[in-house]
Protein backbone atom coordinates (compact mmCIF):
# COMPACT_ATOMS: atom_id res chain seq x y z
CA MET A 1 0.00 0.00 0.00
CA GLU A 2 1.34 3.39 -0.99
CA ARG A 3 1.67 6.01 1.74
CA THR A 4 1.11 9.63 0.91
CA ASP A 5 3.77 12.00 2.15
CA GLU A 6 2.15 14.71 4.27
CA ARG A 7 3.96 17.28 2.13
CA SER A 8 2.45 16.03 -1.12
CA LEU A 9 0.77 18.82 -3.03
CA ALA A 10 -1.65 16.46 -4.77
CA LEU A 11 -3.72 13.61 -3.45
CA THR A 12 -5.23 10.67 -5.26
CA VAL A 13 -8.94 10.01 -4.85
CA THR A 14 -8.04 7.16 -2.48
CA ASP A 15 -5.79 9.45 -0.41
CA ALA A 16 -8.47 12.15 -0.20
CA ALA A 17 -11.12 9.58 0.75
CA ARG A 18 -8.88 8.29 3.52
CA LEU A 19 -8.16 11.79 4.85
CA LEU A 20 -11.83 12.78 4.73
CA ARG A 21 -12.96 9.38 6.05
CA LEU A 22 -15.31 9.02 3.12
CA SER A 23 -15.75 6.32 0.52
CA ARG A 24 -14.12 6.69 -2.88
CA PRO A 25 -17.55 6.87 -4.59
CA THR A 26 -18.47 9.78 -2.30
CA VAL A 27 -15.28 11.64 -3.26
CA TYR A 28 -16.02 10.99 -6.95
CA LYS A 29 -19.54 12.38 -6.38
CA LEU A 30 -18.08 15.52 -4.79
CA MET A 31 -15.71 15.89 -7.73
CA LYS A 32 -18.60 15.65 -10.18
CA GLU A 33 -21.26 17.66 -8.36
CA ASP A 34 -19.41 20.34 -6.38
CA PRO A 35 -17.69 22.91 -8.61
CA THR A 36 -15.75 24.22 -5.60
CA PHE A 37 -14.14 20.84 -4.86
CA PRO A 38 -10.39 21.24 -5.58
CA VAL A 39 -9.92 18.58 -8.26
CA PHE A 40 -7.68 18.90 -11.29
CA LYS A 41 -6.64 16.56 -14.08
CA ILE A 42 -3.28 15.56 -15.41
CA GLY A 43 -3.99 13.52 -18.50
CA THR A 44 -6.76 11.14 -17.50
CA ARG A 45 -5.80 11.11 -13.83
CA SER A 46 -7.89 13.12 -11.36
CA LEU A 47 -5.98 14.59 -8.42
CA ILE A 48 -7.02 16.72 -5.48
CA SER A 49 -5.02 19.70 -4.27
CA ARG A 50 -4.04 19.20 -0.63
CA ARG A 51 -4.09 22.94 0.13
CA GLY A 52 -7.29 23.35 -1.85
CA LEU A 53 -8.88 20.51 0.10
CA GLU A 54 -7.96 22.16 3.39
CA ARG A 55 -9.52 25.44 2.18
CA TRP A 56 -12.57 23.59 0.89
CA ILE A 57 -13.08 21.96 4.30
CA ASP A 58 -12.79 25.37 5.99
CA GLU A 59 -15.37 26.81 3.58
CA GLN A 60 -17.76 23.92 4.25
CA THR A 61 -17.34 24.37 7.98
CA LEU A 62 -17.56 28.15 8.04
CA GLY A 63 -20.07 28.56 5.23
CA GLY A 64 -22.46 25.88 6.39
CA ALA A 65 -22.79 24.46 2.88
CA ALA A 66 -24.19 20.96 2.65
CA VAL A 67 -23.25 18.38 0.05
């Protein structure tokens, strides 16, 4: 099993799911349905910005938005 370095700038869907304690399908749903979710593509691979994810969590917490 691959471990993600805490300094990694980009997370895989699996890494993000693990950090958020969500299922991979739920993360994919967020990527598809929430335009503010910090996903980007390199080729066909979808990655999540670590810093963007931290900001997104803060916005969800402070803004009271529901997914």
